[in-house]
């Protein structure tokens, strides 16, 4: 589904001669194809939407890191380009959860999985990723889980 949305947006961007959006959408397609190829030895021909959401989030994270470096280096032009790419990528992500919603979801999952210590963190992260893929920053969630279980 997300794959089709990206393809249709790419066609729209190409028809509109929107070079920046076209370039970003092509980057996304290339990253998805790379993941498809990585999954082939496992018997998977195409990655699913949750894997695509995870990929899109990691692409955003990479760009945010680049923006930080460019800003420190005084290259605002490059930082703006990265932000423009983030804006395009975010079009395909579901609405992001607020900090309160994330905390509430984590507490619920901890109760459901009966997690009691940091050893259970992987179990909680697994459920969190499957239920809320693309809706929250897993790095922040990891920190919250450690705080709640530690």
N, C-alpha and C. Protein backbone atom coordinates (compact mmCIF):
# COMPACT_ATOMS: atom_id res chain seq x y z
N UNK A 1 0.83 -1.19 0.00
CA UNK A 1 0.00 0.00 0.00
C UNK A 1 0.87 1.25 0.00
N UNK A 2 1.82 1.33 0.91
CA UNK A 2 2.70 2.50 0.96
C UNK A 2 3.53 2.54 -0.32
N UNK A 3 3.95 1.37 -0.76
CA UNK A 3 4.74 1.27 -1.99
C UNK A 3 3.98 1.90 -3.17
N UNK A 4 2.68 1.62 -3.27
CA UNK A 4 1.87 2.18 -4.35
C UNK A 4 1.70 3.68 -4.20
N UNK A 5 1.54 4.15 -2.96
CA UNK A 5 1.42 5.59 -2.71
C UNK A 5 2.68 6.31 -3.17
N UNK A 6 3.83 5.73 -2.87
CA UNK A 6 5.10 6.34 -3.27
C UNK A 6 5.21 6.39 -4.78
N UNK A 7 4.85 5.30 -5.44
CA UNK A 7 4.92 5.25 -6.91
C UNK A 7 3.99 6.28 -7.54
N UNK A 8 2.77 6.43 -7.02
CA UNK A 8 1.85 7.40 -7.61
C UNK A 8 2.32 8.83 -7.36
N UNK A 9 2.88 9.09 -6.18
CA UNK A 9 3.43 10.42 -5.89
C UNK A 9 4.61 10.73 -6.81
N UNK A 10 5.40 9.71 -7.11
CA UNK A 10 6.54 9.88 -8.01
C UNK A 10 6.05 10.30 -9.39
N UNK A 11 5.02 9.64 -9.88
CA UNK A 11 4.47 9.99 -11.19
C UNK A 11 3.95 11.43 -11.17
N UNK A 12 3.23 11.79 -10.10
CA UNK A 12 2.71 13.16 -9.96
C UNK A 12 3.86 14.18 -9.97
N UNK A 13 4.90 13.89 -9.20
CA UNK A 13 6.03 14.81 -9.10
C UNK A 13 6.75 14.95 -10.44
N UNK A 14 6.86 13.85 -11.16
CA UNK A 14 7.51 13.90 -12.47
C UNK A 14 6.68 14.73 -13.45
N UNK A 15 5.37 14.55 -13.42
CA UNK A 15 4.49 15.32 -14.32
C UNK A 15 4.52 16.80 -13.97
N UNK A 16 4.63 17.10 -12.67
CA UNK A 16 4.67 18.49 -12.21
C UNK A 16 6.06 19.10 -12.35
N UNK A 17 7.02 18.28 -12.78
CA UNK A 17 8.42 18.70 -12.93
C UNK A 17 8.99 19.25 -11.61
N UNK A 18 8.59 18.58 -10.51
CA UNK A 18 9.10 18.93 -9.18
C UNK A 18 10.34 18.07 -8.94
N UNK A 19 11.49 18.64 -9.28
CA UNK A 19 12.75 17.88 -9.25
C UNK A 19 13.13 17.41 -7.85
N UNK A 20 12.94 18.27 -6.85
CA UNK A 20 13.33 17.89 -5.48
C UNK A 20 12.50 16.71 -4.99
N UNK A 21 11.18 16.79 -5.20
CA UNK A 21 10.32 15.70 -4.75
C UNK A 21 10.61 14.43 -5.55
N UNK A 22 10.81 14.57 -6.84
CA UNK A 22 11.12 13.42 -7.68
C UNK A 22 12.38 12.73 -7.20
N UNK A 23 13.41 13.51 -6.92
CA UNK A 23 14.68 12.95 -6.44
C UNK A 23 14.53 12.21 -5.12
N UNK A 24 13.79 12.81 -4.20
CA UNK A 24 13.58 12.17 -2.90
C UNK A 24 12.78 10.89 -3.04
N UNK A 25 11.74 10.92 -3.86
CA UNK A 25 10.93 9.72 -4.05
C UNK A 25 11.73 8.61 -4.72
N UNK A 26 12.62 8.98 -5.60
CA UNK A 26 13.49 7.97 -6.22
C UNK A 26 14.44 7.37 -5.19
N UNK A 27 14.93 8.20 -4.27
CA UNK A 27 15.78 7.69 -3.18
C UNK A 27 15.01 6.69 -2.32
N UNK A 28 13.77 7.02 -2.03
CA UNK A 28 12.94 6.12 -1.22
C UNK A 28 12.75 4.80 -1.96
N UNK A 29 12.40 4.88 -3.24
CA UNK A 29 12.20 3.65 -4.03
C UNK A 29 13.47 2.80 -4.07
N UNK A 30 14.61 3.45 -4.22
CA UNK A 30 15.88 2.71 -4.25
C UNK A 30 16.14 2.02 -2.92
N UNK A 31 15.86 2.70 -1.82
CA UNK A 31 16.06 2.11 -0.50
C UNK A 31 15.12 0.92 -0.29
N UNK A 32 13.89 1.04 -0.77
CA UNK A 32 12.93 -0.06 -0.65
C UNK A 32 13.41 -1.26 -1.48
N UNK A 33 13.89 -0.99 -2.69
CA UNK A 33 14.39 -2.08 -3.53
C UNK A 33 15.58 -2.77 -2.88
N UNK A 34 16.46 -1.99 -2.25
CA UNK A 34 17.60 -2.58 -1.54
C UNK A 34 17.12 -3.53 -0.45
N UNK A 35 16.12 -3.10 0.30
CA UNK A 35 15.57 -3.95 1.38
C UNK A 35 14.89 -5.19 0.80
N UNK A 36 14.22 -5.03 -0.34
CA UNK A 36 13.61 -6.19 -1.01
C UNK A 36 14.68 -7.22 -1.35
N UNK A 37 15.80 -6.73 -1.89
CA UNK A 37 16.90 -7.62 -2.28
C UNK A 37 17.50 -8.31 -1.06
N UNK A 38 17.65 -7.56 0.04
CA UNK A 38 18.18 -8.14 1.28
C UNK A 38 17.27 -9.24 1.81
N UNK A 39 15.97 -9.11 1.57
CA UNK A 39 15.00 -10.06 2.12
C UNK A 39 14.87 -11.34 1.28
N UNK A 40 15.35 -11.32 0.06
CA UNK A 40 15.19 -12.49 -0.83
C UNK A 40 15.75 -13.79 -0.27
N UNK A 41 16.93 -13.79 0.34
CA UNK A 41 17.43 -15.07 0.89
C UNK A 41 16.52 -15.66 1.96
N UNK A 42 15.70 -14.82 2.56
CA UNK A 42 14.76 -15.30 3.59
C UNK A 42 13.45 -15.78 2.98
N UNK A 43 13.38 -15.75 1.64
CA UNK A 43 12.17 -16.21 0.96
C UNK A 43 11.10 -15.15 0.83
N UNK A 44 11.47 -13.90 1.04
CA UNK A 44 10.51 -12.79 0.96
C UNK A 44 10.79 -12.03 -0.33
N UNK A 45 9.76 -11.86 -1.17
CA UNK A 45 9.98 -11.15 -2.44
C UNK A 45 9.91 -9.64 -2.26
N UNK A 46 9.01 -9.17 -1.40
CA UNK A 46 8.88 -7.74 -1.12
C UNK A 46 8.69 -7.53 0.38
N UNK A 47 9.32 -6.49 0.92
CA UNK A 47 9.12 -6.19 2.33
C UNK A 47 7.71 -5.62 2.53
N UNK A 48 7.17 -5.80 3.73
CA UNK A 48 5.81 -5.33 3.99
C UNK A 48 5.80 -3.87 4.43
N UNK A 49 4.60 -3.34 4.64
CA UNK A 49 4.44 -1.93 5.00
C UNK A 49 5.14 -1.57 6.30
N UNK A 50 5.13 -2.46 7.29
CA UNK A 50 5.79 -2.12 8.56
C UNK A 50 7.30 -1.98 8.36
N UNK A 51 7.88 -2.81 7.51
CA UNK A 51 9.31 -2.69 7.21
C UNK A 51 9.59 -1.40 6.43
N UNK A 52 8.67 -1.02 5.56
CA UNK A 52 8.83 0.23 4.81
C UNK A 52 8.74 1.42 5.77
N UNK A 53 7.80 1.37 6.71
CA UNK A 53 7.68 2.45 7.70
C UNK A 53 8.96 2.57 8.52
N UNK A 54 9.50 1.45 8.92
CA UNK A 54 10.75 1.45 9.67
C UNK A 54 11.88 2.05 8.84
N UNK A 55 11.92 1.69 7.58
CA UNK A 55 12.93 2.23 6.66
C UNK A 55 12.78 3.74 6.53
N UNK A 56 11.56 4.21 6.37
CA UNK A 56 11.32 5.65 6.23
C UNK A 56 11.76 6.40 7.49
N UNK A 57 11.48 5.80 8.65
CA UNK A 57 11.90 6.44 9.90
C UNK A 57 13.42 6.52 9.99
N UNK A 58 14.10 5.47 9.56
CA UNK A 58 15.56 5.51 9.63
C UNK A 58 16.11 6.53 8.63
N UNK A 59 15.44 6.70 7.49
CA UNK A 59 15.86 7.71 6.53
C UNK A 59 15.72 9.12 7.13
N UNK A 60 14.63 9.32 7.86
CA UNK A 60 14.43 10.62 8.52
C UNK A 60 15.50 10.85 9.58
N UNK A 61 15.79 9.82 10.35
CA UNK A 61 16.81 9.93 11.40
C UNK A 61 18.16 10.31 10.79
N UNK A 62 18.52 9.66 9.68
CA UNK A 62 19.79 9.97 9.01
C UNK A 62 19.82 11.44 8.58
N UNK A 63 18.71 11.91 8.04
CA UNK A 63 18.68 13.28 7.57
C UNK A 63 18.73 14.29 8.71
N UNK A 64 18.10 13.95 9.83
CA UNK A 64 18.17 14.84 11.00
C UNK A 64 19.61 14.95 11.50
N UNK A 65 20.33 13.83 11.49
CA UNK A 65 21.73 13.86 11.89
C UNK A 65 22.55 14.72 10.92
N UNK A 66 22.24 14.60 9.65
CA UNK A 66 22.94 15.40 8.64
C UNK A 66 22.65 16.88 8.83
N UNK A 67 21.39 17.21 9.12
CA UNK A 67 21.01 18.61 9.35
C UNK A 67 21.82 19.18 10.50
N UNK A 68 21.93 18.41 11.58
CA UNK A 68 22.69 18.85 12.75
C UNK A 68 24.14 19.15 12.37
N UNK A 69 24.74 18.24 11.59
CA UNK A 69 26.13 18.44 11.18
C UNK A 69 26.28 19.64 10.25
N UNK A 70 25.35 19.78 9.31
CA UNK A 70 25.41 20.91 8.38
C UNK A 70 25.24 22.23 9.11
N UNK A 71 24.35 22.28 10.09
CA UNK A 71 24.14 23.51 10.85
C UNK A 71 25.38 23.87 11.65
N UNK A 72 26.02 22.88 12.24
CA UNK A 72 27.26 23.13 12.98
C UNK A 72 28.36 23.62 12.06
N UNK A 73 28.32 23.16 10.81
CA UNK A 73 29.32 23.56 9.83
C UNK A 73 28.95 24.83 9.08
N UNK A 74 27.80 25.41 9.42
CA UNK A 74 27.40 26.66 8.77
C UNK A 74 26.88 26.47 7.34
N UNK A 75 26.46 25.29 6.99
CA UNK A 75 25.96 25.02 5.64
C UNK A 75 24.43 24.94 5.66
N UNK A 76 23.79 26.07 5.81
CA UNK A 76 22.34 26.11 5.92
C UNK A 76 21.65 25.66 4.63
N UNK A 77 22.30 25.87 3.48
CA UNK A 77 21.72 25.45 2.21
C UNK A 77 21.55 23.92 2.17
N UNK A 78 22.57 23.22 2.64
CA UNK A 78 22.50 21.76 2.67
C UNK A 78 21.50 21.28 3.72
N UNK A 79 21.45 21.98 4.85
CA UNK A 79 20.49 21.63 5.90
C UNK A 79 19.06 21.79 5.39
N UNK A 80 18.81 22.83 4.60
CA UNK A 80 17.48 23.05 4.04
C UNK A 80 17.11 21.93 3.05
N UNK A 81 18.08 21.48 2.27
CA UNK A 81 17.82 20.37 1.34
C UNK A 81 17.43 19.11 2.10
N UNK A 82 18.14 18.83 3.19
CA UNK A 82 17.83 17.65 4.00
C UNK A 82 16.43 17.78 4.61
N UNK A 83 16.09 18.97 5.06
CA UNK A 83 14.76 19.19 5.65
C UNK A 83 13.68 19.00 4.60
N UNK A 84 13.94 19.44 3.38
CA UNK A 84 12.97 19.24 2.30
C UNK A 84 12.75 17.74 2.04
N UNK A 85 13.83 16.96 2.12
CA UNK A 85 13.70 15.51 1.95
C UNK A 85 12.89 14.90 3.09
N UNK A 86 13.12 15.38 4.31
CA UNK A 86 12.36 14.89 5.47
C UNK A 86 10.87 15.17 5.26
N UNK A 87 10.55 16.36 4.76
CA UNK A 87 9.14 16.72 4.54
C UNK A 87 8.47 15.76 3.55
N UNK A 88 9.20 15.37 2.50
CA UNK A 88 8.65 14.43 1.52
C UNK A 88 8.46 13.05 2.16
N UNK A 89 9.47 12.59 2.88
CA UNK A 89 9.41 11.26 3.50
C UNK A 89 8.26 11.17 4.50
N UNK A 90 8.05 12.25 5.26
CA UNK A 90 7.01 12.24 6.29
C UNK A 90 5.61 12.14 5.72
N UNK A 91 5.46 12.44 4.43
CA UNK A 91 4.13 12.33 3.80
C UNK A 91 3.61 10.90 3.87
N UNK A 92 4.49 9.92 4.00
CA UNK A 92 4.10 8.52 3.96
C UNK A 92 4.05 7.87 5.34
N UNK A 93 4.37 8.64 6.37
CA UNK A 93 4.32 8.11 7.74
C UNK A 93 2.98 8.44 8.37
N UNK A 94 2.47 7.56 9.22
CA UNK A 94 1.23 7.88 9.94
C UNK A 94 1.49 9.02 10.92
N UNK A 95 0.41 9.58 11.43
CA UNK A 95 0.51 10.66 12.41
C UNK A 95 1.37 10.17 13.58
N UNK A 96 2.32 11.02 13.98
CA UNK A 96 3.21 10.66 15.07
C UNK A 96 2.51 10.80 16.42
N UNK A 97 2.81 9.87 17.31
CA UNK A 97 2.20 9.88 18.64
C UNK A 97 2.87 10.95 19.52
N UNK A 98 2.09 11.53 20.41
CA UNK A 98 2.64 12.51 21.35
C UNK A 98 3.44 11.76 22.42
N UNK A 99 4.24 12.49 23.20
CA UNK A 99 5.03 11.87 24.26
C UNK A 99 4.13 11.15 25.28
N UNK A 100 2.97 11.77 25.58
CA UNK A 100 2.05 11.16 26.54
C UNK A 100 1.48 9.86 25.98
N UNK A 101 1.14 9.85 24.68
CA UNK A 101 0.59 8.65 24.06
C UNK A 101 1.63 7.53 24.04
N UNK A 102 2.88 7.90 23.76
CA UNK A 102 3.97 6.90 23.73
C UNK A 102 4.14 6.29 25.11
N UNK A 103 4.20 7.13 26.14
CA UNK A 103 4.36 6.65 27.52
C UNK A 103 3.21 5.73 27.90
N UNK A 104 2.00 6.13 27.56
CA UNK A 104 0.83 5.32 27.88
C UNK A 104 0.88 3.97 27.16
N UNK A 105 1.25 3.98 25.89
CA UNK A 105 1.35 2.74 25.11
C UNK A 105 2.40 1.81 25.71
N UNK A 106 3.54 2.38 26.10
CA UNK A 106 4.61 1.57 26.68
C UNK A 106 4.16 0.94 28.00
N UNK A 107 3.49 1.74 28.84
CA UNK A 107 3.01 1.20 30.12
C UNK A 107 2.02 0.06 29.90
N UNK A 108 1.15 0.22 28.92
CA UNK A 108 0.18 -0.83 28.60
C UNK A 108 0.89 -2.10 28.13
N UNK A 109 1.87 -1.94 27.27
CA UNK A 109 2.61 -3.10 26.76
C UNK A 109 3.39 -3.79 27.88
N UNK A 110 3.96 -3.01 28.78
CA UNK A 110 4.68 -3.59 29.92
C UNK A 110 3.73 -4.45 30.75
N UNK A 111 2.50 -3.94 30.97
CA UNK A 111 1.51 -4.72 31.72
C UNK A 111 1.11 -5.98 30.95
N UNK A 112 0.86 -5.83 29.64
CA UNK A 112 0.43 -6.98 28.82
C UNK A 112 1.49 -8.08 28.78
N UNK A 113 2.75 -7.69 28.67
CA UNK A 113 3.83 -8.67 28.54
C UNK A 113 4.36 -9.12 29.91
N UNK A 114 3.85 -8.49 30.96
CA UNK A 114 4.30 -8.77 32.33
C UNK A 114 5.81 -8.56 32.47
N UNK A 115 6.31 -7.53 31.80
CA UNK A 115 7.74 -7.20 31.88
C UNK A 115 8.03 -6.61 33.25
N UNK A 116 9.13 -7.06 33.85
CA UNK A 116 9.45 -6.59 35.20
C UNK A 116 10.86 -6.01 35.30
N UNK A 117 11.73 -6.36 34.36
CA UNK A 117 13.10 -5.86 34.46
C UNK A 117 13.63 -5.51 33.07
N UNK A 118 14.83 -4.96 33.05
CA UNK A 118 15.49 -4.56 31.82
C UNK A 118 15.67 -5.75 30.88
N UNK A 119 15.71 -6.97 31.44
CA UNK A 119 15.85 -8.19 30.63
C UNK A 119 14.66 -8.39 29.70
N UNK A 120 13.52 -7.81 30.07
CA UNK A 120 12.30 -7.95 29.27
C UNK A 120 12.15 -6.85 28.22
N UNK A 121 13.17 -6.01 28.10
CA UNK A 121 13.09 -4.86 27.20
C UNK A 121 12.85 -5.29 25.75
N UNK A 122 13.51 -6.34 25.30
CA UNK A 122 13.36 -6.80 23.92
C UNK A 122 11.93 -7.21 23.60
N UNK A 123 11.30 -7.85 24.58
CA UNK A 123 9.91 -8.29 24.42
C UNK A 123 9.01 -7.06 24.24
N UNK A 124 9.23 -6.05 25.07
CA UNK A 124 8.42 -4.83 25.02
C UNK A 124 8.66 -4.10 23.70
N UNK A 125 9.93 -3.98 23.30
CA UNK A 125 10.26 -3.30 22.04
C UNK A 125 9.63 -4.01 20.85
N UNK A 126 9.64 -5.34 20.87
CA UNK A 126 9.05 -6.11 19.77
C UNK A 126 7.57 -5.82 19.60
N UNK A 127 6.84 -5.82 20.70
CA UNK A 127 5.40 -5.54 20.65
C UNK A 127 5.18 -4.10 20.22
N UNK A 128 5.98 -3.19 20.74
CA UNK A 128 5.86 -1.77 20.40
C UNK A 128 6.07 -1.55 18.90
N UNK A 129 7.09 -2.19 18.35
CA UNK A 129 7.37 -2.05 16.92
C UNK A 129 6.24 -2.62 16.07
N UNK A 130 5.69 -3.75 16.48
CA UNK A 130 4.63 -4.36 15.67
C UNK A 130 3.32 -3.56 15.74
N UNK A 131 3.00 -3.02 16.90
CA UNK A 131 1.74 -2.29 17.06
C UNK A 131 1.80 -0.85 16.54
N UNK A 132 2.96 -0.21 16.71
CA UNK A 132 3.04 1.23 16.43
C UNK A 132 4.13 1.59 15.42
N UNK A 133 4.36 0.73 14.46
CA UNK A 133 5.40 0.98 13.46
C UNK A 133 5.16 2.31 12.76
N UNK A 134 6.19 3.13 12.72
CA UNK A 134 6.12 4.40 12.02
C UNK A 134 5.44 5.52 12.78
N UNK A 135 4.91 5.24 13.96
CA UNK A 135 4.17 6.26 14.69
C UNK A 135 4.97 6.92 15.80
N UNK A 136 6.17 6.39 16.08
CA UNK A 136 6.96 6.97 17.16
C UNK A 136 8.44 6.75 16.93
N UNK A 137 9.23 7.53 17.62
CA UNK A 137 10.68 7.42 17.54
C UNK A 137 11.12 6.29 18.47
N UNK A 138 11.65 5.22 17.89
CA UNK A 138 12.03 4.05 18.68
C UNK A 138 13.20 4.35 19.62
N UNK A 139 14.03 5.30 19.28
CA UNK A 139 15.14 5.68 20.16
C UNK A 139 14.63 6.27 21.46
N UNK A 140 13.67 7.19 21.33
CA UNK A 140 13.05 7.79 22.52
C UNK A 140 12.29 6.73 23.31
N UNK A 141 11.59 5.86 22.58
CA UNK A 141 10.81 4.81 23.24
C UNK A 141 11.73 3.89 24.04
N UNK A 142 12.89 3.58 23.49
CA UNK A 142 13.86 2.72 24.16
C UNK A 142 14.29 3.34 25.49
N UNK A 143 14.56 4.64 25.46
CA UNK A 143 14.94 5.35 26.68
C UNK A 143 13.82 5.30 27.72
N UNK A 144 12.59 5.51 27.26
CA UNK A 144 11.45 5.47 28.18
C UNK A 144 11.27 4.08 28.79
N UNK A 145 11.42 3.05 27.97
CA UNK A 145 11.28 1.67 28.46
C UNK A 145 12.34 1.37 29.52
N UNK A 146 13.57 1.80 29.23
CA UNK A 146 14.64 1.58 30.22
C UNK A 146 14.30 2.25 31.54
N UNK A 147 13.78 3.47 31.46
CA UNK A 147 13.40 4.21 32.67
C UNK A 147 12.29 3.52 33.44
N UNK A 148 11.31 2.99 32.72
CA UNK A 148 10.18 2.34 33.38
C UNK A 148 10.53 0.96 33.93
N UNK A 149 11.43 0.25 33.24
CA UNK A 149 11.80 -1.09 33.71
C UNK A 149 12.98 -1.08 34.67
N UNK A 150 13.79 -0.02 34.59
CA UNK A 150 15.00 0.04 35.43
C UNK A 150 14.70 0.51 36.77
